[in-house]
Amino acid sequence: MKLSAAVILFTALFSLAVLHPAKAQLLNPEGGLGPTTAEDIRAQTLTGSHFNEFWTYHFFLDDGLKVHITFSAANFGSLKSPVTGVRVSVYGFDSNTYQLSREYSIDHLVQHEDTYKFEPRPERTVWFKGKLPEEHEVRVETSKDGVNYDIHLKLSDIVQGVKWGDGIYTVGDEQIGIFTHIPYANASGFVEINGKRKEVSGTAYMDQTFQNQTTTRLLDSGFRFISHTDSQNWDVLYFMLPSDAREKMTIGHRISSRDGNLDVFEANNIQKIDESRTFGKRLAHTMEVMMIHPEGRLEVVTIKRTKDDERFSVLSELSWVARRAARSFLGGEVLEFRGEGELHLPGNKKLNGFYNFFVVD
């Protein structure tokens, strides 16, 4: 992989990086939850000298198979020409983990008005499409390093997407958008690697994040947690810790559905972190997070890692020299971890789910 491509894809791992975290004021949205619209899924940026935008899918499928797909669009000004990209991770296919990343000039991007199709390059079979929440599907057919991938996953019974207030979170002068387009959906289709095809079914989650400035300083870490019981009962957490945040103050949210009744909590701060080693690195094993309801109600929730599936860094694909240059330019390396976990709520209630953390090394 070329160094410039690695920079773009490396940045995609932490789409909520901020401009001036050291003295930044952190603001979550105001108001209650509202529905996302079908139009919200279209790129919110694509103009100006800098932007970052990401559509991140998590598929939890039969027999422990997990597929994670991130589409991106980015412009880093004088660094290089704007690009789109796709990053894929497949865990548990014949007990193996497969990872790949691709990049295309943004000049090739087509966003279809009628089908809501996001197509980074029409000559390639890499896209997502469908008017939410009525229908949606994701397709990736490509190859890399001698491995052929063919993935086609369709969604049904899609729960209406949500956003907190206007969906805009603020760190200093930086505005960051988070739209939870698919908090829960049923998924079915196939995953094929090197000609071996598996028909699959399970559930899916997707969010879209965006900002309009280049990333010049990094977050310390970011934390997703997704719990799916059924279409009426689910929880999603997504919160970020700026690199120099005092008192471990965070931006982000917990959005939950109980028998179809929605609620939102502000992720205010991390009160306690206990770490353990995984894949050679120290990572939060248990976290206590203070949540604040818009009505002022407080509660502490606990996130716990129970099974570590994979670690991923785009820089791992580079040579030692290129990797050192990239780390110097970026100020570090982002390591992403995924696996299974638990969410402990007040009243001794425990939810099983999946974590997706990143840390800056």
Protein backbone atom coordinates (compact mmCIF):
# COMPACT_ATOMS: atom_id res chain seq x y z
CA MET A 1 0.00 0.00 0.00
CA LYS A 2 1.26 3.47 -0.82
CA LEU A 3 1.96 5.75 2.12
CA SER A 4 -0.62 8.32 0.98
CA ALA A 5 -3.31 5.64 0.78
CA ALA A 6 -2.38 4.42 4.25
CA VAL A 7 -2.79 7.94 5.63
CA ILE A 8 -6.35 8.15 4.30
CA LEU A 9 -7.40 4.71 5.50
CA PHE A 10 -5.55 5.08 8.80
CA THR A 11 -7.56 8.24 9.48
CA ALA A 12 -10.78 6.36 8.71
CA LEU A 13 -10.23 4.24 11.80
CA PHE A 14 -10.99 7.21 13.99
CA SER A 15 -13.38 9.37 12.01
CA LEU A 16 -14.13 11.46 15.09
CA ALA A 17 -10.63 12.87 15.57
CA VAL A 18 -10.62 16.55 16.49
CA LEU A 19 -8.77 19.76 15.75
CA HIS A 20 -7.84 21.22 19.17
CA PRO A 21 -8.71 18.75 21.95
CA ALA A 22 -6.37 20.11 24.64
CA LYS A 23 -8.47 23.16 25.53
CA ALA A 24 -11.63 22.23 23.71
CA GLN A 25 -15.13 22.60 25.05
CA LEU A 26 -17.09 19.39 24.61
CA LEU A 27 -20.76 19.69 23.65
CA ASN A 28 -23.28 16.97 22.96
CA PRO A 29 -26.48 17.78 21.05
CA GLU A 30 -29.53 19.23 22.79
CA GLY A 31 -33.09 18.01 22.68
CA GLY A 32 -34.46 14.54 22.18
CA LEU A 33 -34.18 11.80 19.61
CA GLY A 34 -35.58 12.25 16.13
CA PRO A 35 -35.72 10.11 13.00
CA THR A 36 -33.07 10.18 10.31
CA THR A 37 -34.42 10.71 6.81
CA ALA A 38 -33.67 8.78 3.64
CA GLU A 39 -31.72 11.81 2.38
CA ASP A 40 -29.44 11.85 5.43
CA ILE A 41 -27.46 8.89 4.13
CA ARG A 42 -26.07 10.95 1.26
CA ALA A 43 -22.63 12.45 1.72
CA GLN A 44 -22.84 15.48 4.00
CA THR A 45 -19.44 16.87 2.97
CA LEU A 46 -17.61 16.49 -0.38
CA THR A 47 -17.04 20.25 -0.70
CA GLY A 48 -14.34 22.50 0.70
CA SER A 49 -10.64 21.97 1.18
CA HIS A 50 -10.99 19.34 3.90
CA PHE A 51 -13.52 16.70 4.92
CA ASN A 52 -13.82 13.20 6.38
CA GLU A 53 -16.92 11.02 6.13
CA PHE A 54 -17.57 7.38 6.99
CA TRP A 55 -20.41 4.85 6.70
CA THR A 56 -19.65 1.94 9.08
CA TYR A 57 -21.52 -1.37 8.94
CA HIS A 58 -21.36 -4.18 11.50
CA PHE A 59 -22.90 -7.54 10.58
CA PHE A 60 -23.28 -10.21 13.29
CA LEU A 61 -23.97 -13.51 11.53
CA ASP A 62 -24.40 -17.25 12.06
CA ASP A 63 -21.83 -19.36 13.89
CA GLY A 64 -19.85 -16.38 15.17
CA LEU A 65 -19.12 -14.97 11.71
CA LYS A 66 -18.73 -11.17 11.77
CA VAL A 67 -18.35 -8.79 8.82
CA HIS A 68 -17.35 -5.13 9.23
CA ILE A 69 -17.44 -2.81 6.21
CA THR A 70 -16.57 0.92 6.19
CA PHE A 71 -17.08 3.19 3.18
CA SER A 72 -15.31 6.56 3.28
CA ALA A 73 -14.81 9.89 1.53
CA ALA A 74 -11.94 12.18 2.44
CA ASN A 75 -10.06 15.30 1.38
CA PHE A 76 -6.86 16.28 3.17
CA GLY A 77 -6.09 19.40 1.20
CA SER A 78 -2.54 19.60 -0.08
CA LEU A 79 -1.77 16.08 1.18
CA LYS A 80 -3.31 14.47 -1.92
CA SER A 81 -6.38 14.51 -4.15
CA PRO A 82 -9.75 13.62 -2.56
CA VAL A 83 -10.58 9.91 -2.44
CA THR A 84 -13.24 7.42 -1.50
CA GLY A 85 -12.44 4.08 0.06
CA VAL A 86 -13.73 0.81 1.45
CA ARG A 87 -12.32 -1.26 4.30
CA VAL A 88 -13.47 -4.83 5.00
CA SER A 89 -12.85 -7.19 7.90
CA VAL A 90 -14.26 -10.73 8.05
CA TYR A 91 -13.82 -12.62 11.31
CA GLY A 92 -14.61 -16.30 11.83
CA PHE A 93 -14.67 -17.49 8.23
CA ASP A 94 -13.20 -21.00 8.56
CA SER A 95 -11.59 -19.86 11.82
CA ASN A 96 -9.62 -17.15 9.99
CA THR A 97 -9.65 -13.36 9.89
CA TYR A 98 -9.50 -11.53 6.54
CA GLN A 99 -8.86 -7.79 6.15
CA LEU A 100 -8.55 -5.52 3.12
CA SER A 101 -8.71 -1.85 2.14
CA ARG A 102 -9.28 -0.16 -1.23
CA GLU A 103 -9.09 3.45 -2.42
CA TYR A 104 -10.53 5.30 -5.46
CA SER A 105 -10.32 8.84 -6.82
CA ILE A 106 -13.37 10.79 -5.69
CA ASP A 107 -13.87 11.84 -9.32
CA HIS A 108 -15.33 8.37 -9.92
CA LEU A 109 -17.92 8.59 -7.12
CA VAL A 110 -21.56 8.30 -8.19
CA GLN A 111 -24.46 8.89 -5.79
CA HIS A 112 -27.65 7.72 -7.46
CA GLU A 113 -30.69 9.87 -6.71
CA ASP A 114 -33.36 7.21 -7.20
CA THR A 115 -31.76 4.20 -5.49
CA TYR A 116 -29.65 6.00 -2.85
CA LYS A 117 -26.69 4.06 -4.17
CA PHE A 118 -23.21 5.12 -3.05
CA GLU A 119 -20.82 3.80 -5.70
CA PRO A 120 -17.14 4.76 -5.27
CA ARG A 121 -16.29 3.55 -8.78
CA PRO A 122 -18.91 2.19 -11.20
CA GLU A 123 -16.39 -0.16 -12.82
CA ARG A 124 -15.98 -1.94 -9.48
CA THR A 125 -18.57 -3.97 -7.60
CA VAL A 126 -18.28 -2.00 -4.36
CA TRP A 127 -21.39 -0.15 -3.11
CA PHE A 128 -24.28 0.24 -0.72
CA LYS A 129 -27.79 1.22 -1.75
CA GLY A 130 -31.44 1.37 -0.72
CA LYS A 131 -33.93 3.87 0.68
CA LEU A 132 -33.93 3.54 4.46
CA PRO A 133 -35.74 2.18 6.35
CA GLU A 134 -37.58 0.48 3.50
CA GLU A 135 -34.66 -1.47 2.02
CA HIS A 136 -30.88 -1.64 1.99
CA GLU A 137 -28.02 -3.83 0.81
CA VAL A 138 -24.22 -3.89 0.71
CA ARG A 139 -22.03 -5.41 -1.98
CA VAL A 140 -18.25 -5.87 -2.11
CA GLU A 141 -16.58 -7.97 -4.76
CA THR A 142 -12.82 -7.45 -5.00
CA SER A 143 -9.47 -9.12 -4.39
CA LYS A 144 -6.23 -8.32 -2.61
CA ASP A 145 -3.00 -10.16 -1.88
CA GLY A 146 -4.26 -13.25 -3.68
CA VAL A 147 -7.53 -13.42 -1.73
CA ASN A 148 -10.86 -13.06 -3.57
CA TYR A 149 -13.84 -11.57 -1.74
CA ASP A 150 -17.50 -11.65 -2.75
CA ILE A 151 -19.93 -10.31 -0.14
CA HIS A 152 -23.61 -9.50 -0.68
CA LEU A 153 -25.77 -8.75 2.35
CA LYS A 154 -29.39 -7.56 2.24
CA LEU A 155 -31.29 -6.01 5.13
CA SER A 156 -34.92 -6.47 6.14
CA ASP A 157 -37.15 -5.39 9.05
CA ILE A 158 -34.97 -2.28 9.33
CA VAL A 159 -35.61 -0.21 12.45
CA GLN A 160 -36.10 3.50 11.79
CA GLY A 161 -32.78 5.37 12.09
CA VAL A 162 -32.27 7.96 14.82
CA LYS A 163 -30.19 11.01 15.61
CA TRP A 164 -29.87 12.99 18.81
CA GLY A 165 -31.09 16.53 18.15
CA ASP A 166 -29.48 17.63 14.89
CA GLY A 167 -26.87 14.89 15.19
CA ILE A 168 -24.01 17.37 15.65
CA TYR A 169 -21.43 16.98 18.45
CA THR A 170 -18.81 19.66 19.16
CA VAL A 171 -15.20 19.65 20.35
CA GLY A 172 -13.79 23.16 20.39
CA ASP A 173 -14.40 24.64 16.95
CA GLU A 174 -14.96 21.25 15.35
CA GLN A 175 -18.44 19.99 14.52
CA ILE A 176 -18.85 16.24 14.20
CA GLY A 177 -21.96 14.54 12.83
CA ILE A 178 -23.23 11.14 13.95
CA PHE A 179 -26.31 9.59 12.33
CA THR A 180 -27.39 6.14 13.51
CA HIS A 181 -29.04 4.98 10.30
CA ILE A 182 -29.53 1.32 11.20
CA PRO A 183 -29.73 0.65 14.94
CA TYR A 184 -31.07 -2.83 14.20
CA ALA A 185 -31.98 -4.87 11.11
CA ASN A 186 -32.11 -8.47 10.02
CA ALA A 187 -29.40 -9.42 7.53
CA SER A 188 -29.12 -12.26 5.02
CA GLY A 189 -27.08 -13.10 1.94
CA PHE A 190 -23.70 -14.67 1.35
CA VAL A 191 -20.03 -14.27 2.18
CA GLU A 192 -17.61 -15.87 -0.26
CA ILE A 193 -13.83 -16.01 0.10
CA ASN A 194 -11.61 -17.69 -2.47
CA GLY A 195 -14.59 -19.40 -4.09
CA LYS A 196 -16.03 -20.87 -0.90
CA ARG A 197 -19.49 -19.43 -0.30
CA LYS A 198 -21.49 -19.40 2.92
CA GLU A 199 -25.16 -18.45 3.03
CA VAL A 200 -25.60 -16.35 6.15
CA SER A 201 -28.17 -14.60 8.31
CA GLY A 202 -28.03 -12.41 11.41
CA THR A 203 -28.39 -8.76 12.42
CA ALA A 204 -26.81 -5.48 11.33
CA TYR A 205 -25.94 -1.99 12.59
CA MET A 206 -24.72 1.09 10.68
CA ASP A 207 -23.79 4.67 11.54
CA GLN A 208 -22.50 7.60 9.49
CA THR A 209 -19.99 10.13 10.83
CA PHE A 210 -18.62 13.27 9.21
CA GLN A 211 -16.63 16.45 9.79
CA ASN A 212 -15.37 19.34 7.68
CA GLN A 213 -11.80 19.87 8.86
CA THR A 214 -8.60 17.94 8.42
CA THR A 215 -7.42 15.83 11.35
CA THR A 216 -4.41 17.47 12.99
CA ARG A 217 -4.67 16.04 16.47
CA LEU A 218 -5.87 12.61 17.47
CA LEU A 219 -8.27 11.27 20.01
CA ASP A 220 -6.96 9.18 22.84
CA SER A 221 -9.56 6.48 22.19
CA GLY A 222 -13.06 5.73 20.99
CA PHE A 223 -15.63 3.15 22.05
CA ARG A 224 -18.59 1.50 20.30
CA PHE A 225 -20.82 -1.09 21.93
CA ILE A 226 -23.76 -2.74 20.18
CA SER A 227 -26.31 -5.04 21.82
CA HIS A 228 -29.09 -6.67 19.76
CA THR A 229 -31.87 -8.64 21.42
CA ASP A 230 -34.63 -8.09 18.88
CA SER A 231 -36.06 -5.23 16.79
CA GLN A 232 -37.79 -3.75 19.83
CA ASN A 233 -34.93 -4.17 22.29
CA TRP A 234 -31.40 -2.97 21.55
CA ASP A 235 -28.68 -0.64 22.83
CA VAL A 236 -25.95 1.27 20.98
CA LEU A 237 -23.15 3.29 22.59
CA TYR A 238 -20.68 5.47 20.75
CA PHE A 239 -18.41 7.83 22.64
CA MET A 240 -14.95 9.35 22.23
CA LEU A 241 -12.24 10.53 24.61
CA PRO A 242 -10.17 13.51 23.33
CA SER A 243 -6.43 13.12 23.82
CA ASP A 244 -6.10 15.77 26.55
CA ALA A 245 -9.61 15.72 27.99
CA ARG A 246 -9.69 16.67 31.64
CA GLU A 247 -11.53 14.36 34.03
CA LYS A 248 -11.86 11.95 31.08
CA MET A 249 -14.75 14.00 29.68
CA THR A 250 -16.25 12.50 26.52
CA ILE A 251 -18.64 13.22 23.67
CA GLY A 252 -21.16 10.64 22.54
CA HIS A 253 -24.31 8.83 23.51
CA ARG A 254 -26.15 5.72 24.53
CA ILE A 255 -29.35 5.17 22.57
CA SER A 256 -31.66 2.39 23.71
CA SER A 257 -34.96 0.78 22.79
CA ARG A 258 -37.09 -1.01 25.36
CA ASP A 259 -40.16 -2.64 23.85
CA GLY A 260 -39.92 -0.06 21.07
CA ASN A 261 -39.66 2.96 23.40
CA LEU A 262 -36.55 5.03 22.60
CA ASP A 263 -34.34 6.87 25.05
CA VAL A 264 -31.00 8.70 24.90
CA PHE A 265 -28.27 9.37 27.45
CA GLU A 266 -25.25 11.65 27.12
CA ALA A 267 -21.91 9.88 27.58
CA ASN A 268 -20.42 12.46 29.96
CA ASN A 269 -17.18 10.98 31.29
CA ILE A 270 -15.27 7.79 31.95
CA GLN A 271 -15.16 7.37 35.70
CA LYS A 272 -12.95 4.29 35.90
CA ILE A 273 -10.89 2.16 33.52
CA ASP A 274 -9.31 -1.22 34.28
CA GLU A 275 -6.98 -2.47 31.55
CA SER A 276 -5.76 -5.87 30.41
CA ARG A 277 -3.49 -7.04 27.61
CA THR A 278 -4.83 -8.29 24.30
CA PHE A 279 -2.94 -8.84 21.06
CA GLY A 280 0.16 -7.46 22.78
CA LYS A 281 -1.39 -4.14 23.85
CA ARG A 282 -3.07 -2.80 26.96
CA LEU A 283 -6.74 -2.03 26.35
CA ALA A 284 -9.70 -1.05 28.49
CA HIS A 285 -11.08 -4.29 29.89
CA THR A 286 -13.76 -2.75 32.11
CA MET A 287 -15.03 0.84 31.97
CA GLU A 288 -17.48 2.69 34.17
CA VAL A 289 -19.11 5.53 32.22
CA MET A 290 -21.31 8.29 33.61
CA MET A 291 -24.44 8.78 31.56
CA ILE A 292 -26.73 11.81 31.88
CA HIS A 293 -30.33 11.80 30.70
CA PRO A 294 -31.62 15.04 29.09
CA GLU A 295 -33.97 15.35 32.09
CA GLY A 296 -30.98 15.32 34.43
CA ARG A 297 -31.11 11.70 35.59
CA LEU A 298 -27.70 10.14 36.20
CA GLU A 299 -26.63 6.52 35.81
CA VAL A 300 -23.34 4.69 35.62
CA VAL A 301 -23.01 1.87 33.10
CA THR A 302 -20.17 -0.62 32.85
CA ILE A 303 -18.72 -2.00 29.62
CA LYS A 304 -16.70 -5.19 29.85
CA ARG A 305 -14.70 -7.04 27.19
CA THR A 306 -15.31 -10.78 27.34
CA LYS A 307 -13.82 -12.12 24.09
CA ASP A 308 -11.28 -10.47 21.79
CA ASP A 309 -11.71 -11.31 18.10
CA GLU A 310 -9.26 -9.16 16.17
CA ARG A 311 -6.82 -6.28 16.11
CA PHE A 312 -6.31 -4.20 12.99
CA SER A 313 -4.07 -1.36 11.84
CA VAL A 314 -3.82 -0.14 8.27
CA LEU A 315 -0.16 0.67 8.94
CA SER A 316 0.55 -3.02 9.48
CA GLU A 317 0.36 -3.42 5.69
CA LEU A 318 3.32 -1.06 5.19
CA SER A 319 7.01 -1.81 5.16
CA TRP A 320 8.95 -0.93 8.31
CA VAL A 321 10.34 2.27 6.73
CA ALA A 322 6.96 3.42 5.42
CA ARG A 323 5.28 2.58 8.70
CA ARG A 324 7.81 4.64 10.67
CA ALA A 325 7.29 7.57 8.28
CA ALA A 326 3.51 7.29 8.62
CA ARG A 327 3.69 7.18 12.42
CA SER A 328 5.90 10.26 12.41
CA PHE A 329 3.55 12.15 10.09
CA LEU A 330 0.39 11.12 11.94
CA GLY A 331 1.79 11.38 15.45
CA GLY A 332 1.12 7.74 16.28
CA GLU A 333 -0.69 4.63 15.15
CA VAL A 334 -4.35 3.80 15.65
CA LEU A 335 -5.06 0.23 16.67
CA GLU A 336 -8.60 -1.03 16.33
CA PHE A 337 -9.96 -3.93 18.38
CA ARG A 338 -13.20 -5.86 18.05
CA GLY A 339 -14.86 -8.63 20.00
CA GLU A 340 -17.64 -9.56 22.36
CA GLY A 341 -18.62 -7.88 25.58
CA GLU A 342 -21.19 -7.04 28.21
CA LEU A 343 -23.07 -3.88 29.13
CA HIS A 344 -24.04 -3.71 32.79
CA LEU A 345 -26.92 -1.34 33.58
CA PRO A 346 -28.34 -0.13 36.90
CA GLY A 347 -30.50 -2.72 38.62
CA ASN A 348 -28.10 -5.60 37.92
CA LYS A 349 -29.24 -5.83 34.32
CA LYS A 350 -26.69 -7.28 31.89
CA LEU A 351 -26.79 -7.08 28.09
CA ASN A 352 -24.54 -9.17 25.85
CA GLY A 353 -23.15 -7.55 22.72
CA PHE A 354 -20.13 -6.55 20.67
CA TYR A 355 -17.41 -3.97 21.22
CA ASN A 356 -15.38 -1.95 18.70
CA PHE A 357 -12.64 0.12 20.40
CA PHE A 358 -9.69 2.06 19.05
CA VAL A 359 -6.68 3.46 20.86
CA VAL A 360 -3.87 5.71 19.74
CA ASP A 361 -0.50 4.04 20.26
